[in-house]
């Protein structure tokens, strides 16, 4: 048997209802030269039985099960280890790929051998599968940078702008880069920053090739506390800084304090009032020249004026 062109990695945990829909969107691709590797990250619901039924449906589907809940990064790495394809595609277990996704991504990788990773924007859909938004805006608008240094700067200073569920990469990358396993939140962000800092060329497709569930019913499945998200994001910034030093990549040293300053500002928006303003001041102390600090001050003042006007009208 010849090796498939694409290995599709789907890490899953307790998604018995949504997983078959995600898999079907892969089976419906216009480009059919692929294998699907489903990594069951110790599901405790009926997901194992659902996976067995999927394996019986199509012999291109095979499964790996972890007997411990190891998290999304480790689960995907487990799938990568047995991948046979020239290209690796990531698919989340609750999303829906457009039928032309693989055809368009492979076309780019085949036509430009310097491109190591290709991805697209995503369409957010509600409970009725209606599109409510497209993300991220700079990808939709065709403004994602081509230069890897600029990509790193964007990701480091503005957080992740690459939807993980849309990516396709060349398999040789996995000999050096893998998803980090120290965090279960933002593991893709860290991974993409490593690639960009290592001068790996990426290409963005403006049109959304994956539909991502963002309806109210689905939010309960993916909800995490703000505190845990912020803690993970700060840990990622700290780890990428250390990694850059270990790799002797020094051309981003001037961005470290600004990256932390921007992260604090992103967090401040979730703490309206004295605490939020205090965090803005912390961001200022990190980088007094950060223009975003003044923008946040103006934002807080506008919110304060709105509140004052509201109180006055109701008094």
Protein backbone atom coordinates (compact mmCIF):
# COMPACT_ATOMS: atom_id res chain seq x y z
CA UNK A 1 0.00 0.00 0.00
CA UNK A 2 1.34 3.44 -0.92
CA UNK A 3 1.59 6.10 1.76
CA UNK A 4 -1.15 8.75 1.79
CA UNK A 5 -0.39 12.31 0.79
CA UNK A 6 -1.97 13.76 3.94
CA UNK A 7 -2.20 12.53 7.51
CA UNK A 8 -5.09 14.18 9.34
CA UNK A 9 -4.66 14.33 13.11
CA UNK A 10 -7.82 14.66 15.20
CA UNK A 11 -7.29 14.75 18.97
CA UNK A 12 -10.55 14.15 20.81
CA UNK A 13 -11.90 13.97 24.34
CA UNK A 14 -15.57 13.29 25.19
CA UNK A 15 -16.98 14.46 21.84
CA UNK A 16 -19.24 11.54 20.98
CA UNK A 17 -21.87 13.76 19.30
CA UNK A 18 -19.64 16.15 17.35
CA UNK A 19 -16.70 13.94 16.35
CA UNK A 20 -18.57 12.09 13.54
CA UNK A 21 -19.50 15.41 11.93
CA UNK A 22 -15.89 16.60 12.02
CA UNK A 23 -14.70 13.33 10.48
CA UNK A 24 -17.41 13.43 7.79
CA UNK A 25 -16.23 16.89 6.73
CA UNK A 26 -12.83 15.31 6.05
CA UNK A 27 -14.32 12.35 4.20
CA UNK A 28 -16.17 14.84 1.98
CA UNK A 29 -12.95 16.52 0.78
CA UNK A 30 -12.45 17.01 -2.95
CA UNK A 31 -8.89 15.73 -2.47
CA UNK A 32 -9.22 12.15 -1.17
CA UNK A 33 -5.59 11.05 -0.72
CA UNK A 34 -5.42 10.99 3.09
CA UNK A 35 -5.50 8.96 6.26
CA UNK A 36 -7.30 10.04 9.44
CA UNK A 37 -5.66 9.38 12.80
CA UNK A 38 -8.04 9.89 15.71
CA UNK A 39 -6.29 10.18 19.07
CA UNK A 40 -8.73 9.46 21.89
CA UNK A 41 -7.38 11.36 24.90
CA UNK A 42 -8.90 9.07 27.54
CA UNK A 43 -12.55 9.82 26.81
CA UNK A 44 -14.99 8.70 29.49
CA UNK A 45 -18.19 8.95 27.45
CA UNK A 46 -19.27 6.90 24.41
CA UNK A 47 -16.47 8.33 22.21
CA UNK A 48 -14.50 5.01 22.05
CA UNK A 49 -17.54 3.24 20.57
CA UNK A 50 -18.12 6.12 18.15
CA UNK A 51 -14.51 5.85 17.00
CA UNK A 52 -14.81 2.10 16.43
CA UNK A 53 -17.86 2.70 14.26
CA UNK A 54 -15.93 5.31 12.26
CA UNK A 55 -13.03 2.88 11.73
CA UNK A 56 -15.47 0.31 10.36
CA UNK A 57 -16.94 2.93 8.02
CA UNK A 58 -13.68 3.76 6.21
CA UNK A 59 -10.37 1.88 6.26
CA UNK A 60 -8.46 5.16 6.02
CA UNK A 61 -9.47 5.88 9.61
CA UNK A 62 -7.40 4.47 12.46
CA UNK A 63 -7.37 5.26 16.16
CA UNK A 64 -4.93 5.60 19.02
CA UNK A 65 -6.08 5.76 22.63
CA UNK A 66 -4.28 7.28 25.58
CA UNK A 67 -5.17 5.66 28.89
CA UNK A 68 -4.43 8.96 30.64
CA UNK A 69 -5.78 12.43 29.87
CA UNK A 70 -2.58 13.95 28.45
CA UNK A 71 -3.94 17.14 26.90
CA UNK A 72 -4.26 18.47 23.33
CA UNK A 73 -0.57 19.04 22.58
CA UNK A 74 0.57 15.62 23.75
CA UNK A 75 -2.40 13.92 22.05
CA UNK A 76 -1.56 15.50 18.70
CA UNK A 77 2.12 14.60 19.11
CA UNK A 78 1.05 11.02 19.71
CA UNK A 79 -0.82 11.02 16.43
CA UNK A 80 2.09 12.62 14.59
CA UNK A 81 4.39 9.81 15.67
CA UNK A 82 2.46 7.31 13.53
CA UNK A 83 1.61 9.62 10.62
CA UNK A 84 2.55 8.28 7.17
CA UNK A 85 1.65 11.26 4.98
CA UNK A 86 3.93 13.83 3.38
CA UNK A 87 1.74 16.57 4.82
CA UNK A 88 0.16 16.79 8.26
CA UNK A 89 -3.25 18.44 8.68
CA UNK A 90 -4.76 19.33 12.03
CA UNK A 91 -8.50 19.08 12.55
CA UNK A 92 -10.34 19.80 15.79
CA UNK A 93 -12.95 17.27 16.84
CA UNK A 94 -15.82 19.78 16.91
CA UNK A 95 -15.20 21.79 13.73
CA UNK A 96 -16.22 21.38 10.08
CA UNK A 97 -13.77 21.63 7.18
CA UNK A 98 -14.97 23.01 3.86
CA UNK A 99 -14.79 20.39 1.09
CA UNK A 100 -12.05 22.21 -0.86
CA UNK A 101 -9.80 22.79 2.16
CA UNK A 102 -7.16 20.12 1.41
CA UNK A 103 -7.13 20.82 -2.30
CA UNK A 104 -6.35 24.49 -1.74
CA UNK A 105 -3.76 23.91 0.98
CA UNK A 106 -1.90 21.20 -0.93
CA UNK A 107 -1.85 23.41 -4.02
CA UNK A 108 0.13 26.04 -2.11
CA UNK A 109 2.57 23.56 -0.58
CA UNK A 110 3.15 21.91 -3.96
CA UNK A 111 3.70 25.20 -5.77
CA UNK A 112 6.06 26.83 -3.25
CA UNK A 113 8.60 24.51 -1.63
CA UNK A 114 9.71 27.29 0.74
CA UNK A 115 6.31 27.37 2.44
CA UNK A 116 6.39 25.06 5.46
CA UNK A 117 2.93 25.75 6.87
CA UNK A 118 -0.33 26.89 5.30
CA UNK A 119 -3.53 27.89 7.08
CA UNK A 120 -6.71 29.86 6.57
CA UNK A 121 -9.15 32.08 8.39
CA UNK A 122 -12.18 30.46 10.04
CA UNK A 123 -15.90 31.12 10.02
CA UNK A 124 -17.57 31.18 13.42
CA UNK A 125 -20.95 29.47 13.41
CA UNK A 126 -23.82 29.50 15.90
CA UNK A 127 -25.98 26.65 17.19
CA UNK A 128 -27.87 26.59 13.86
CA UNK A 129 -24.59 26.41 11.88
CA UNK A 130 -25.09 29.96 10.59
CA UNK A 131 -21.96 32.06 10.10
CA UNK A 132 -21.72 34.89 12.63
CA UNK A 133 -18.18 36.15 12.01
CA UNK A 134 -14.88 35.43 10.28
CA UNK A 135 -11.56 35.41 12.15
CA UNK A 136 -8.86 36.65 12.35
CA UNK A 137 -9.50 39.95 10.60
CA UNK A 138 -5.99 40.51 9.28
CA UNK A 139 -6.04 37.07 7.61
CA UNK A 140 -9.47 37.72 6.09
CA UNK A 141 -8.19 41.08 4.83
CA UNK A 142 -5.06 39.51 3.30
CA UNK A 143 -2.74 41.34 5.69
CA UNK A 144 -0.99 38.42 7.38
CA UNK A 145 2.78 39.05 7.00
CA UNK A 146 4.91 36.92 4.71
CA UNK A 147 8.23 37.48 6.47
CA UNK A 148 8.77 35.00 9.37
CA UNK A 149 10.30 37.71 11.59
CA UNK A 150 7.20 39.84 11.14
CA UNK A 151 5.04 36.79 11.87
CA UNK A 152 6.88 36.22 15.14
CA UNK A 153 6.53 39.86 16.09
CA UNK A 154 2.79 39.73 15.38
CA UNK A 155 2.23 36.54 17.39
CA UNK A 156 4.48 37.58 20.28
CA UNK A 157 2.97 41.03 20.70
CA UNK A 158 -0.65 40.45 19.67
CA UNK A 159 -1.29 36.79 20.72
CA UNK A 160 -2.12 33.96 18.32
CA UNK A 161 -3.55 34.81 14.90
CA UNK A 162 -3.26 31.36 13.30
CA UNK A 163 -6.33 29.10 13.71
CA UNK A 164 -4.79 25.75 14.64
CA UNK A 165 -7.69 23.73 13.27
CA UNK A 166 -6.87 24.95 9.73
CA UNK A 167 -3.15 24.22 9.46
CA UNK A 168 -1.32 21.88 7.10
CA UNK A 169 2.46 21.46 7.40
CA UNK A 170 5.27 19.47 5.89
CA UNK A 171 5.99 16.31 7.89
CA UNK A 172 9.79 16.90 8.25
CA UNK A 173 9.04 19.82 10.59
CA UNK A 174 8.08 17.32 13.29
CA UNK A 175 11.67 16.08 13.55
CA UNK A 176 12.48 19.34 15.37
CA UNK A 177 9.21 20.98 16.39
CA UNK A 178 6.31 19.52 18.32
CA UNK A 179 3.40 20.88 20.31
CA UNK A 180 4.49 21.75 23.85
CA UNK A 181 3.06 19.54 26.57
CA UNK A 182 3.63 21.87 29.53
CA UNK A 183 0.39 23.74 28.79
CA UNK A 184 -3.09 22.64 27.73
CA UNK A 185 -4.06 26.19 26.75
CA UNK A 186 -2.31 28.02 23.91
CA UNK A 187 -0.04 25.14 22.94
CA UNK A 188 -0.56 26.08 19.29
CA UNK A 189 0.47 29.70 19.97
CA UNK A 190 3.81 28.54 21.41
CA UNK A 191 4.33 26.11 18.52
CA UNK A 192 3.72 28.77 15.87
CA UNK A 193 6.06 31.23 17.57
CA UNK A 194 8.81 28.61 17.53
CA UNK A 195 8.32 28.08 13.79
CA UNK A 196 8.30 31.80 13.00
CA UNK A 197 11.38 32.51 15.13
CA UNK A 198 13.15 29.69 13.27
CA UNK A 199 12.46 31.41 9.93
CA UNK A 200 9.84 28.94 8.75
CA UNK A 201 7.77 30.49 5.97
CA UNK A 202 3.98 30.42 6.37
CA UNK A 203 1.18 31.24 3.95
CA UNK A 204 -2.30 32.43 4.89
CA UNK A 205 -5.44 31.78 2.85
CA UNK A 206 -7.87 34.67 3.43
CA UNK A 207 -11.11 32.75 2.82
CA UNK A 208 -12.33 30.56 5.71
CA UNK A 209 -11.75 26.85 5.07
CA UNK A 210 -13.02 25.64 8.45
CA UNK A 211 -16.21 26.43 10.34
CA UNK A 212 -15.73 26.73 14.10
CA UNK A 213 -18.61 26.30 16.54
CA UNK A 214 -19.11 29.38 18.71
CA UNK A 215 -22.77 29.02 19.68
CA UNK A 216 -24.01 29.35 23.25
CA UNK A 217 -24.56 25.60 23.58
CA UNK A 218 -20.98 24.90 22.56
CA UNK A 219 -19.37 27.53 24.80
CA UNK A 220 -20.12 25.40 27.82
CA UNK A 221 -17.96 22.61 26.38
CA UNK A 222 -14.90 24.80 25.91
CA UNK A 223 -15.29 27.28 28.75
CA UNK A 224 -12.25 27.94 30.90
CA UNK A 225 -11.78 30.49 33.64
CA UNK A 226 -10.13 33.73 32.63
CA UNK A 227 -7.57 33.22 35.36
CA UNK A 228 -6.43 29.86 33.95
CA UNK A 229 -6.20 31.29 30.43
CA UNK A 230 -4.19 34.32 31.57
CA UNK A 231 -1.90 32.15 33.68
CA UNK A 232 -1.20 29.89 30.71
CA UNK A 233 -0.59 32.83 28.38
CA UNK A 234 1.96 34.36 30.74
CA UNK A 235 3.65 30.99 31.10
CA UNK A 236 3.89 30.71 27.32
CA UNK A 237 5.48 34.15 27.05
CA UNK A 238 8.00 33.20 29.73
CA UNK A 239 8.79 29.83 28.10
CA UNK A 240 9.21 31.27 24.60
CA UNK A 241 11.59 33.89 26.00
CA UNK A 242 13.70 31.14 27.59
CA UNK A 243 13.56 29.03 24.44
CA UNK A 244 14.79 31.93 22.30
CA UNK A 245 17.73 32.35 24.69
CA UNK A 246 18.55 28.62 24.59
CA UNK A 247 18.46 28.67 20.78
CA UNK A 248 20.59 31.82 20.76
CA UNK A 249 17.96 33.69 18.77
CA UNK A 250 18.64 37.23 19.94
CA UNK A 251 16.95 39.43 17.35
CA UNK A 252 13.74 39.56 19.40
CA UNK A 253 15.26 40.50 22.76
CA UNK A 254 13.94 44.05 22.49
CA UNK A 255 10.36 42.74 22.35
CA UNK A 256 10.24 40.84 25.65
CA UNK A 257 9.04 43.66 27.91
CA UNK A 258 6.63 44.95 25.27
CA UNK A 259 5.11 41.47 24.87
CA UNK A 260 4.45 41.25 28.62
CA UNK A 261 3.11 44.82 28.66
CA UNK A 262 0.61 43.97 25.90
CA UNK A 263 -0.43 40.79 27.69
CA UNK A 264 -1.18 42.75 30.87
CA UNK A 265 -3.26 45.20 28.83
CA UNK A 266 -5.27 42.35 27.28
CA UNK A 267 -5.98 41.04 30.76
CA UNK A 268 -6.90 44.50 32.09
CA UNK A 269 -9.97 44.68 29.85
CA UNK A 270 -11.53 41.91 31.93
CA UNK A 271 -11.11 43.88 35.16
CA UNK A 272 -13.06 47.10 34.72
CA UNK A 273 -12.50 49.65 37.48
CA UNK A 274 -9.66 50.20 39.88
CA UNK A 275 -8.10 46.77 39.27
CA UNK A 276 -8.16 47.30 35.52
CA UNK A 277 -6.55 50.72 35.78
CA UNK A 278 -3.95 49.26 38.13
CA UNK A 279 -3.05 46.71 35.48
CA UNK A 280 -2.74 49.45 32.89
CA UNK A 281 -0.23 51.12 35.21
CA UNK A 282 1.66 47.80 35.50
CA UNK A 283 1.82 47.65 31.71
CA UNK A 284 3.16 51.20 31.67
CA UNK A 285 5.91 50.27 34.13
CA UNK A 286 6.92 47.39 31.88
CA UNK A 287 7.18 49.60 28.78
CA UNK A 288 6.56 53.33 29.32
CA UNK A 289 6.74 53.94 25.55
CA UNK A 290 4.04 51.38 24.73
CA UNK A 291 1.42 53.33 22.69
CA UNK A 292 -1.27 50.83 23.68
CA UNK A 293 -1.10 52.08 27.28
CA UNK A 294 -2.42 55.51 26.31
CA UNK A 295 -5.10 53.86 24.18
CA UNK A 296 -6.25 51.85 27.20
CA UNK A 297 -6.34 54.95 29.39
CA UNK A 298 -8.59 56.66 26.84
CA UNK A 299 -10.75 53.52 26.71
CA UNK A 300 -11.19 53.48 30.49
CA UNK A 301 -12.01 57.20 30.54
CA UNK A 302 -14.66 56.70 27.87
CA UNK A 303 -16.19 53.84 29.87
CA UNK A 304 -16.16 56.01 32.99
CA UNK A 305 -17.94 58.82 31.13
CA UNK A 306 -20.56 56.41 29.81
CA UNK A 307 -21.20 55.15 33.32
CA UNK A 308 -21.43 58.69 34.72
CA UNK A 309 -23.91 59.70 32.02
CA UNK A 310 -26.01 56.60 32.68
CA UNK A 311 -26.12 57.29 36.44
CA UNK A 312 -27.02 60.96 35.80
CA UNK A 313 -29.88 60.05 33.47
CA UNK A 314 -31.37 57.63 36.01
CA UNK A 315 -30.97 59.94 39.01
